[in-house]
Amino acid sequence: MFVSLDIKKVISLGLYHGWSIAEIQRQAGLSNGAIYGLIYGKNKSVRASTAYKIAKALGVETKEIACIK
């Protein structure tokens, strides 16, 4: 299942923690290009499991940053 991320919210929550985009990816255990692909339009959605990892790293529920496509 794929979901669409609210990338602005992801970045905002990362900044709240004092993290760069690269640090969000590292904290979530993702590859270096995972979030950048969304920002620059390479990817339009992510797997639900990826959204979960990002949400967990940011300390929020997945539904706060993602919507099902």
Protein backbone atom coordinates (compact mmCIF):
# COMPACT_ATOMS: atom_id res chain seq x y z
CA MET A 1 0.00 0.00 0.00
CA PHE A 2 1.25 3.45 -0.90
CA VAL A 3 0.50 6.70 0.90
CA SER A 4 1.02 10.37 0.19
CA LEU A 5 3.10 12.28 2.73
CA ASP A 6 2.50 15.85 3.89
CA ILE A 7 6.13 16.73 3.21
CA LYS A 8 5.77 20.23 4.69
CA LYS A 9 4.63 18.71 7.97
CA VAL A 10 7.48 16.18 7.91
CA ILE A 11 10.02 18.97 7.42
CA SER A 12 8.36 21.14 10.07
CA LEU A 13 8.42 18.32 12.63
CA GLY A 14 12.04 17.61 11.76
CA LEU A 15 12.94 21.26 12.33
CA TYR A 16 11.12 21.10 15.67
CA HIS A 17 13.60 18.38 16.66
CA GLY A 18 16.47 20.41 15.23
CA TRP A 19 17.01 17.90 12.42
CA SER A 20 17.92 18.36 8.79
CA ILE A 21 16.20 16.29 6.13
CA ALA A 22 19.21 13.99 6.10
CA GLU A 23 18.86 13.52 9.87
CA ILE A 24 15.14 12.70 9.57
CA GLN A 25 16.07 10.01 7.03
CA ARG A 26 18.84 8.71 9.29
CA GLN A 27 16.59 8.61 12.36
CA ALA A 28 13.96 6.73 10.34
CA GLY A 29 16.53 4.29 8.95
CA LEU A 30 15.90 5.34 5.35
CA SER A 31 18.20 5.81 2.38
CA ASN A 32 19.60 9.26 1.70
CA GLY A 33 17.21 9.99 -1.16
CA ALA A 34 13.92 8.84 0.41
CA ILE A 35 12.57 12.23 1.48
CA TYR A 36 14.45 14.27 -1.11
CA GLY A 37 12.64 12.27 -3.81
CA LEU A 38 9.33 13.55 -2.46
CA ILE A 39 10.52 17.13 -2.12
CA TYR A 40 11.83 17.32 -5.68
CA GLY A 41 8.95 15.41 -7.26
CA LYS A 42 10.84 12.24 -8.18
CA ASN A 43 8.44 10.24 -6.01
CA LYS A 44 4.78 11.05 -5.44
CA SER A 45 4.13 8.52 -2.69
CA VAL A 46 5.86 6.11 -0.33
CA ARG A 47 5.09 2.69 1.07
CA ALA A 48 2.98 2.74 4.22
CA SER A 49 5.89 1.12 6.07
CA THR A 50 8.16 4.03 5.09
CA ALA A 51 5.59 6.56 6.30
CA TYR A 52 5.39 4.62 9.57
CA LYS A 53 9.18 4.76 10.02
CA ILE A 54 9.23 8.51 9.40
CA ALA A 55 6.32 9.11 11.78
CA LYS A 56 7.91 6.97 14.48
CA ALA A 57 11.20 8.86 14.18
CA LEU A 58 9.33 12.17 14.46
CA GLY A 59 7.29 10.98 17.44
CA VAL A 60 3.87 11.24 15.79
CA GLU A 61 1.23 8.83 14.48
CA THR A 62 1.41 7.95 10.79
CA LYS A 63 -2.02 9.50 10.14
CA GLU A 64 -0.58 12.90 11.14
CA ILE A 65 1.81 12.96 8.17
CA ALA A 66 0.26 10.62 5.60
CA CYS A 67 -2.95 9.91 3.73
CA ILE A 68 -3.84 6.70 1.87
CA LYS A 69 -3.82 6.94 -1.91
